[in-house]
Every structure is written in structure tokens, then in C-alpha cells.
Amino acid sequence: VSSIRSMSFPTRIPIDVTANRAGEKAAENAQAIKALLLDFMRTEEMSLLSQIEPILLQLAMYGHTVAKLSWDRREGVNKPSIRPVDLFFWYIYPETVMDVESAYCIMEEMKVDEATLWRGVENGIYSEDTVQELINEGMSSTEEQDTKLEERIETTTAKPHPIMQYDLVEYWGWFDLLNDGKLCQCVITVANRTKALRI
């Protein structure tokens, strides 16, 4: 993998950006974003070199690999980022399609901490009210577990306080959101199988 990585740079990075709507202006914007991404990939801004090894490792082991490209819009930050996706937590539907463009839906399971949720809020991705509600419920659950632990332990010991993890499932695909028979392309993120952080 290290040898493959060393041979992969510098090379022309195959990437494409497709407009999500018809029209000359949308096509021009897509090409501008593509040029910007390629420019970032040639610099250290995206940390592409540090991420390419696990991406290539999956490619060598399983014959295909997945990476997620996103944009960081936090205060004082404005750049794309890339991260490898674990294939064991990534699903495509239907399973018979040959590429992601032909899929009806793609899903990724993730475990994230509170800091990651708030980064999503800062980037304008997740709903602030829903994240706060989710965290409040998590704190209540943790306090209840601590109370039960104290009831079982008679001697005084230091109580463990693990970092709270939240289960997210991200769906990308075509959905009939308005129940009018028309499918629209969108991304939906659900936390703990009960709360929609993003639609």
C-alpha cells in the first residue's frame, strides 16, 4: 500500500462534480467547484496524503473503496475535507447496482461524539435544536446509569465517565419527501434511530 501511495502522487486526481439541477449556470458552478477541489487536493489543506493510505488499503483488500468528501464551513475555516469510509458500515441499495450513481439509496452508520455533532451545527449541516435535545437526553441517560452504579457499589471508588457516543445513520438517495409521488435527491441524517438531524 505504501508503494502504491508513493506512486500515486503527483498524478492527475480523477474527480468530477455534477450539477444537481439543469441549466448553464448550474453547470458553470459545478465546473468551478471541481477546479477548486482539484486545487485544494494539490495542497496540504485537505490532508489528502494522510488519508490516501487507508483508502488504498481498502481498495487493495476488497477491490473497491469509499471516501466521503465534505466542506468545512466553521468560523475561520472554509475548505473541503476527505475521509475514508469503513466498508463494513457502508451499504448500498439495491445491492445489485454496479456504481453509486445507479443506486436508489446509500447508507453509512457512524458513531460520533458531542464535539462532532456541534461541528455539524457550526457547518450548518445539523439542526441546533435537535442536537441540543439529543445531548440533553444522553445526559439524562448517563445520570440514570451513574445512580444505578452507585446503588451497586458500597465502597467509594472513582466513577468512570466515558465519552458519550451517538449512533448516526446517514442516508443519501432519492426520496418522496412530500408524498406526492415525485422523488428528490437529498441527504438525511438520523440520530439514535429517532431524531432527524438533517433533511
C-alpha atoms as a PDB file:
ATOM      1  CA  VAL A   1       0.000   0.000   0.000  1.00  0.00           C
ATOM      2  CA  SER A   2       2.859   2.385   0.825  1.00  0.00           C
ATOM      3  CA  SER A   3       4.364   1.716  -2.604  1.00  0.00           C
ATOM      4  CA  ILE A   4       1.020   2.342  -4.300  1.00  0.00           C
ATOM      5  CA  ARG A   5       0.644   5.540  -2.315  1.00  0.00           C
ATOM      6  CA  SER A   6       4.111   6.787  -3.285  1.00  0.00           C
ATOM      7  CA  MET A   7       3.391   6.085  -6.954  1.00  0.00           C
ATOM      8  CA  SER A   8       0.036   7.856  -6.776  1.00  0.00           C
ATOM      9  CA  PHE A   9       1.490  11.344  -6.280  1.00  0.00           C
ATOM     10  CA  PRO A  10       1.830  13.560  -8.084  1.00  0.00           C
ATOM     11  CA  THR A  11      -0.824  12.422 -10.521  1.00  0.00           C
ATOM     12  CA  ARG A  12      -3.981  13.794 -12.053  1.00  0.00           C
ATOM     13  CA  ILE A  13      -6.657  13.047  -9.437  1.00  0.00           C
ATOM     14  CA  PRO A  14      -9.827  11.680 -11.070  1.00  0.00           C
ATOM     15  CA  ILE A  15     -12.720  13.687  -9.678  1.00  0.00           C
ATOM     16  CA  ASP A  16     -15.900  15.023 -11.157  1.00  0.00           C
ATOM     17  CA  VAL A  17     -18.643  17.343  -9.946  1.00  0.00           C
ATOM     18  CA  THR A  18     -22.149  17.115 -11.378  1.00  0.00           C
ATOM     19  CA  ALA A  19     -24.733  19.887 -11.112  1.00  0.00           C
ATOM     20  CA  ASN A  20     -27.865  18.857  -9.189  1.00  0.00           C
ATOM     21  CA  ARG A  21     -30.096  20.911 -11.490  1.00  0.00           C
ATOM     22  CA  ALA A  22     -30.284  21.696 -15.186  1.00  0.00           C
ATOM     23  CA  GLY A  23     -29.084  24.957 -16.683  1.00  0.00           C
ATOM     24  CA  GLU A  24     -25.943  26.635 -17.953  1.00  0.00           C
ATOM     25  CA  LYS A  25     -25.328  28.499 -14.674  1.00  0.00           C
ATOM     26  CA  ALA A  26     -25.514  25.306 -12.610  1.00  0.00           C
ATOM     27  CA  ALA A  27     -23.078  23.579 -14.996  1.00  0.00           C
ATOM     28  CA  GLU A  28     -20.645  26.514 -14.707  1.00  0.00           C
ATOM     29  CA  ASN A  29     -20.856  26.382 -10.894  1.00  0.00           C
ATOM     30  CA  ALA A  30     -20.150  22.631 -10.938  1.00  0.00           C
ATOM     31  CA  GLN A  31     -17.003  23.162 -13.033  1.00  0.00           C
ATOM     32  CA  ALA A  32     -15.863  25.959 -10.714  1.00  0.00           C
ATOM     33  CA  ILE A  33     -16.269  23.714  -7.667  1.00  0.00           C
ATOM     34  CA  LYS A  34     -14.368  20.922  -9.453  1.00  0.00           C
ATOM     35  CA  ALA A  35     -11.477  23.276 -10.198  1.00  0.00           C
ATOM     36  CA  LEU A  36     -11.445  24.479  -6.584  1.00  0.00           C
ATOM     37  CA  LEU A  37     -11.416  20.908  -5.218  1.00  0.00           C
ATOM     38  CA  LEU A  38      -8.555  19.928  -7.503  1.00  0.00           C
ATOM     39  CA  ASP A  39      -6.628  22.983  -6.343  1.00  0.00           C
ATOM     40  CA  PHE A  40      -7.166  22.028  -2.685  1.00  0.00           C
ATOM     41  CA  MET A  41      -6.158  18.417  -3.399  1.00  0.00           C
ATOM     42  CA  ARG A  42      -2.799  19.588  -4.703  1.00  0.00           C
ATOM     43  CA  THR A  43      -2.089  21.379  -1.425  1.00  0.00           C
ATOM     44  CA  GLU A  44      -1.950  20.243   2.208  1.00  0.00           C
ATOM     45  CA  GLU A  45      -5.291  21.867   3.025  1.00  0.00           C
ATOM     46  CA  MET A  46      -7.273  18.637   2.584  1.00  0.00           C
ATOM     47  CA  SER A  47      -4.635  16.351   4.185  1.00  0.00           C
ATOM     48  CA  LEU A  48      -5.191  14.053   1.225  1.00  0.00           C
ATOM     49  CA  LEU A  49      -1.811  12.365   1.578  1.00  0.00           C
ATOM     50  CA  SER A  50      -2.537  11.347   5.179  1.00  0.00           C
ATOM     51  CA  GLN A  51      -5.932   9.899   4.194  1.00  0.00           C
ATOM     52  CA  ILE A  52      -4.990   8.136   0.974  1.00  0.00           C
ATOM     53  CA  GLU A  53      -3.292   5.142   2.608  1.00  0.00           C
ATOM     54  CA  PRO A  54      -6.406   3.713   4.359  1.00  0.00           C
ATOM     55  CA  ILE A  55      -8.391   4.450   1.187  1.00  0.00           C
ATOM     56  CA  LEU A  56      -5.911   2.478  -0.933  1.00  0.00           C
ATOM     57  CA  LEU A  57      -5.697  -0.280   1.693  1.00  0.00           C
ATOM     58  CA  GLN A  58      -9.422  -0.988   1.343  1.00  0.00           C
ATOM     59  CA  LEU A  59      -9.063  -0.879  -2.429  1.00  0.00           C
ATOM     60  CA  ALA A  60      -6.265  -3.465  -2.318  1.00  0.00           C
ATOM     61  CA  MET A  61      -8.096  -5.747   0.158  1.00  0.00           C
ATOM     62  CA  TYR A  62     -11.672  -5.641  -1.152  1.00  0.00           C
ATOM     63  CA  GLY A  63     -11.361  -4.443  -4.735  1.00  0.00           C
ATOM     64  CA  HIS A  64     -13.224  -1.191  -4.088  1.00  0.00           C
ATOM     65  CA  THR A  65     -13.154   1.645  -1.600  1.00  0.00           C
ATOM     66  CA  VAL A  66     -15.245   4.589  -0.424  1.00  0.00           C
ATOM     67  CA  ALA A  67     -14.239   8.086   0.650  1.00  0.00           C
ATOM     68  CA  LYS A  68     -16.502  10.913   1.780  1.00  0.00           C
ATOM     69  CA  LEU A  69     -15.885  14.440   0.579  1.00  0.00           C
ATOM     70  CA  SER A  70     -17.392  17.298   2.588  1.00  0.00           C
ATOM     71  CA  TRP A  71     -16.928  21.038   3.095  1.00  0.00           C
ATOM     72  CA  ASP A  72     -15.825  22.569   6.381  1.00  0.00           C
ATOM     73  CA  ARG A  73     -17.553  25.922   6.874  1.00  0.00           C
ATOM     74  CA  ARG A  74     -16.827  26.550  10.545  1.00  0.00           C
ATOM     75  CA  GLU A  75     -15.937  30.074  11.630  1.00  0.00           C
ATOM     76  CA  GLY A  76     -12.489  30.926  10.301  1.00  0.00           C
ATOM     77  CA  VAL A  77     -12.410  27.742   8.185  1.00  0.00           C
ATOM     78  CA  ASN A  78     -13.500  27.290   4.582  1.00  0.00           C
ATOM     79  CA  LYS A  79     -12.053  24.223   2.918  1.00  0.00           C
ATOM     80  CA  PRO A  80     -13.007  20.729   1.714  1.00  0.00           C
ATOM     81  CA  SER A  81     -12.091  17.649   3.707  1.00  0.00           C
ATOM     82  CA  ILE A  82     -11.900  13.978   2.826  1.00  0.00           C
ATOM     83  CA  ARG A  83     -12.071  10.860   4.982  1.00  0.00           C
ATOM     84  CA  PRO A  84     -12.079   7.129   4.287  1.00  0.00           C
ATOM     85  CA  VAL A  85     -15.327   5.268   4.969  1.00  0.00           C
ATOM     86  CA  ASP A  86     -15.237   1.814   6.571  1.00  0.00           C
ATOM     87  CA  LEU A  87     -16.881  -0.554   4.087  1.00  0.00           C
ATOM     88  CA  PHE A  88     -18.324  -2.654   6.922  1.00  0.00           C
ATOM     89  CA  PHE A  89     -20.519   0.307   7.930  1.00  0.00           C
ATOM     90  CA  TRP A  90     -21.464   1.405   4.429  1.00  0.00           C
ATOM     91  CA  TYR A  91     -24.401  -0.020   2.499  1.00  0.00           C
ATOM     92  CA  ILE A  92     -25.817   0.451  -0.974  1.00  0.00           C
ATOM     93  CA  TYR A  93     -29.346  -0.297  -2.195  1.00  0.00           C
ATOM     94  CA  PRO A  94     -30.097  -2.183  -4.264  1.00  0.00           C
ATOM     95  CA  GLU A  95     -27.031  -4.375  -3.806  1.00  0.00           C
ATOM     96  CA  THR A  96     -27.018  -5.373  -7.473  1.00  0.00           C
ATOM     97  CA  VAL A  97     -26.034  -1.946  -8.858  1.00  0.00           C
ATOM     98  CA  MET A  98     -22.545  -1.514 -10.291  1.00  0.00           C
ATOM     99  CA  ASP A  99     -21.859   2.053  -9.104  1.00  0.00           C
ATOM    100  CA  VAL A 100     -23.172   4.647  -6.646  1.00  0.00           C
ATOM    101  CA  GLU A 101     -24.768   6.733  -9.412  1.00  0.00           C
ATOM    102  CA  SER A 102     -27.164   3.864 -10.157  1.00  0.00           C
ATOM    103  CA  ALA A 103     -28.131   3.319  -6.506  1.00  0.00           C
ATOM    104  CA  TYR A 104     -31.506   4.282  -5.092  1.00  0.00           C
ATOM    105  CA  CYS A 105     -30.052   4.811  -1.630  1.00  0.00           C
ATOM    106  CA  ILE A 106     -26.666   4.747   0.121  1.00  0.00           C
ATOM    107  CA  MET A 107     -26.319   4.438   3.893  1.00  0.00           C
ATOM    108  CA  GLU A 108     -23.462   4.889   6.348  1.00  0.00           C
ATOM    109  CA  GLU A 109     -23.517   4.014  10.043  1.00  0.00           C
ATOM    110  CA  MET A 110     -21.396   6.234  12.287  1.00  0.00           C
ATOM    111  CA  LYS A 111     -20.590   6.665  15.956  1.00  0.00           C
ATOM    112  CA  VAL A 112     -19.819  10.267  16.849  1.00  0.00           C
ATOM    113  CA  ASP A 113     -19.194  12.291  19.987  1.00  0.00           C
ATOM    114  CA  GLU A 114     -20.732  15.568  21.116  1.00  0.00           C
ATOM    115  CA  ALA A 115     -17.945  17.656  19.565  1.00  0.00           C
ATOM    116  CA  THR A 116     -18.659  16.147  16.139  1.00  0.00           C
ATOM    117  CA  LEU A 117     -22.363  16.983  16.484  1.00  0.00           C
ATOM    118  CA  TRP A 118     -21.581  20.606  17.293  1.00  0.00           C
ATOM    119  CA  ARG A 119     -19.174  20.818  14.343  1.00  0.00           C
ATOM    120  CA  GLY A 120     -22.108  19.758  12.196  1.00  0.00           C
ATOM    121  CA  VAL A 121     -24.161  22.607  13.686  1.00  0.00           C
ATOM    122  CA  GLU A 122     -21.354  25.111  13.025  1.00  0.00           C
ATOM    123  CA  ASN A 123     -21.167  23.938   9.415  1.00  0.00           C
ATOM    124  CA  GLY A 124     -24.898  24.473   9.008  1.00  0.00           C
ATOM    125  CA  ILE A 125     -25.498  20.739   8.473  1.00  0.00           C
ATOM    126  CA  TYR A 126     -27.331  19.657  11.634  1.00  0.00           C
ATOM    127  CA  SER A 127     -30.248  21.272  13.419  1.00  0.00           C
ATOM    128  CA  GLU A 128     -29.028  23.045  16.579  1.00  0.00           C
ATOM    129  CA  ASP A 129     -32.290  22.413  18.477  1.00  0.00           C
ATOM    130  CA  THR A 130     -32.259  18.704  17.629  1.00  0.00           C
ATOM    131  CA  VAL A 131     -28.594  18.316  18.631  1.00  0.00           C
ATOM    132  CA  GLN A 132     -29.233  20.040  21.956  1.00  0.00           C
ATOM    133  CA  GLU A 133     -32.268  17.838  22.592  1.00  0.00           C
ATOM    134  CA  LEU A 134     -30.239  14.731  21.740  1.00  0.00           C
ATOM    135  CA  ILE A 135     -27.422  15.723  24.102  1.00  0.00           C
ATOM    136  CA  ASN A 136     -29.863  16.502  26.929  1.00  0.00           C
ATOM    137  CA  GLU A 137     -31.409  13.047  26.555  1.00  0.00           C
ATOM    138  CA  GLY A 138     -27.934  11.492  26.575  1.00  0.00           C
ATOM    139  CA  MET A 139     -27.019  13.350  29.782  1.00  0.00           C
ATOM    140  CA  SER A 140     -30.213  12.156  31.473  1.00  0.00           C
ATOM    141  CA  SER A 141     -29.435   8.584  30.448  1.00  0.00           C
ATOM    142  CA  THR A 142     -25.864   8.866  31.787  1.00  0.00           C
ATOM    143  CA  GLU A 143     -27.051  10.272  35.132  1.00  0.00           C
ATOM    144  CA  GLU A 144     -29.529   7.390  35.485  1.00  0.00           C
ATOM    145  CA  GLN A 145     -26.754   4.865  34.808  1.00  0.00           C
ATOM    146  CA  ASP A 146     -24.495   6.561  37.376  1.00  0.00           C
ATOM    147  CA  THR A 147     -27.269   6.375  40.004  1.00  0.00           C
ATOM    148  CA  LYS A 148     -27.718   2.636  39.417  1.00  0.00           C
ATOM    149  CA  LEU A 149     -23.948   2.170  39.623  1.00  0.00           C
ATOM    150  CA  GLU A 150     -23.789   3.962  42.980  1.00  0.00           C
ATOM    151  CA  GLU A 151     -26.521   1.700  44.341  1.00  0.00           C
ATOM    152  CA  ARG A 152     -24.462  -1.376  43.471  1.00  0.00           C
ATOM    153  CA  ILE A 153     -21.116  -0.136  44.778  1.00  0.00           C
ATOM    154  CA  GLU A 154     -20.801   0.140  48.548  1.00  0.00           C
ATOM    155  CA  THR A 155     -17.206   1.346  48.697  1.00  0.00           C
ATOM    156  CA  THR A 156     -16.177   4.762  47.394  1.00  0.00           C
ATOM    157  CA  THR A 157     -14.497   4.461  44.034  1.00  0.00           C
ATOM    158  CA  ALA A 158     -13.928   6.786  41.123  1.00  0.00           C
ATOM    159  CA  LYS A 159     -16.854   6.562  38.743  1.00  0.00           C
ATOM    160  CA  PRO A 160     -15.980   6.113  35.073  1.00  0.00           C
ATOM    161  CA  HIS A 161     -17.256   8.808  32.736  1.00  0.00           C
ATOM    162  CA  PRO A 162     -16.825   7.545  29.187  1.00  0.00           C
ATOM    163  CA  ILE A 163     -17.269   9.925  26.282  1.00  0.00           C
ATOM    164  CA  MET A 164     -20.897   9.793  25.180  1.00  0.00           C
ATOM    165  CA  GLN A 165     -21.290   8.252  21.730  1.00  0.00           C
ATOM    166  CA  TYR A 166     -24.249   8.823  19.440  1.00  0.00           C
ATOM    167  CA  ASP A 167     -25.380   6.460  16.680  1.00  0.00           C
ATOM    168  CA  LEU A 168     -25.944   8.203  13.356  1.00  0.00           C
ATOM    169  CA  VAL A 169     -27.212   6.769  10.100  1.00  0.00           C
ATOM    170  CA  GLU A 170     -26.752   8.931   7.024  1.00  0.00           C
ATOM    171  CA  TYR A 171     -28.944   8.227   4.006  1.00  0.00           C
ATOM    172  CA  TRP A 172     -28.180   9.626   0.581  1.00  0.00           C
ATOM    173  CA  GLY A 173     -30.542   8.961  -2.278  1.00  0.00           C
ATOM    174  CA  TRP A 174     -33.905   9.606  -3.884  1.00  0.00           C
ATOM    175  CA  PHE A 175     -36.893  10.066  -1.572  1.00  0.00           C
ATOM    176  CA  ASP A 176     -40.530  11.130  -1.883  1.00  0.00           C
ATOM    177  CA  LEU A 177     -40.350  13.695   0.924  1.00  0.00           C
ATOM    178  CA  LEU A 178     -43.637  15.445   0.085  1.00  0.00           C
ATOM    179  CA  ASN A 179     -45.558  12.210  -0.504  1.00  0.00           C
ATOM    180  CA  ASP A 180     -46.556  13.459  -3.947  1.00  0.00           C
ATOM    181  CA  GLY A 181     -45.010  10.657  -5.990  1.00  0.00           C
ATOM    182  CA  LYS A 182     -42.008  12.799  -7.007  1.00  0.00           C
ATOM    183  CA  LEU A 183     -38.543  11.667  -5.953  1.00  0.00           C
ATOM    184  CA  CYS A 184     -35.960  14.263  -4.989  1.00  0.00           C
ATOM    185  CA  GLN A 185     -32.262  13.798  -4.298  1.00  0.00           C
ATOM    186  CA  CYS A 186     -31.370  14.546  -0.687  1.00  0.00           C
ATOM    187  CA  VAL A 187     -29.314  13.592   2.355  1.00  0.00           C
ATOM    188  CA  ILE A 188     -30.994  12.539   5.608  1.00  0.00           C
ATOM    189  CA  THR A 189     -29.118  12.041   8.886  1.00  0.00           C
ATOM    190  CA  VAL A 190     -30.890  10.247  11.736  1.00  0.00           C
ATOM    191  CA  ALA A 191     -29.530  10.073  15.296  1.00  0.00           C
ATOM    192  CA  ASN A 192     -30.241   7.140  17.617  1.00  0.00           C
ATOM    193  CA  ARG A 193     -32.886   5.980  15.088  1.00  0.00           C
ATOM    194  CA  THR A 194     -35.347   8.570  16.424  1.00  0.00           C
ATOM    195  CA  LYS A 195     -34.248  12.133  15.590  1.00  0.00           C
ATOM    196  CA  ALA A 196     -33.640  13.689  12.183  1.00  0.00           C
ATOM    197  CA  LEU A 197     -30.584  15.951  12.364  1.00  0.00           C
ATOM    198  CA  ARG A 198     -30.694  16.851   8.694  1.00  0.00           C
ATOM    199  CA  ILE A 199     -33.121  16.545   5.811  1.00  0.00           C
END
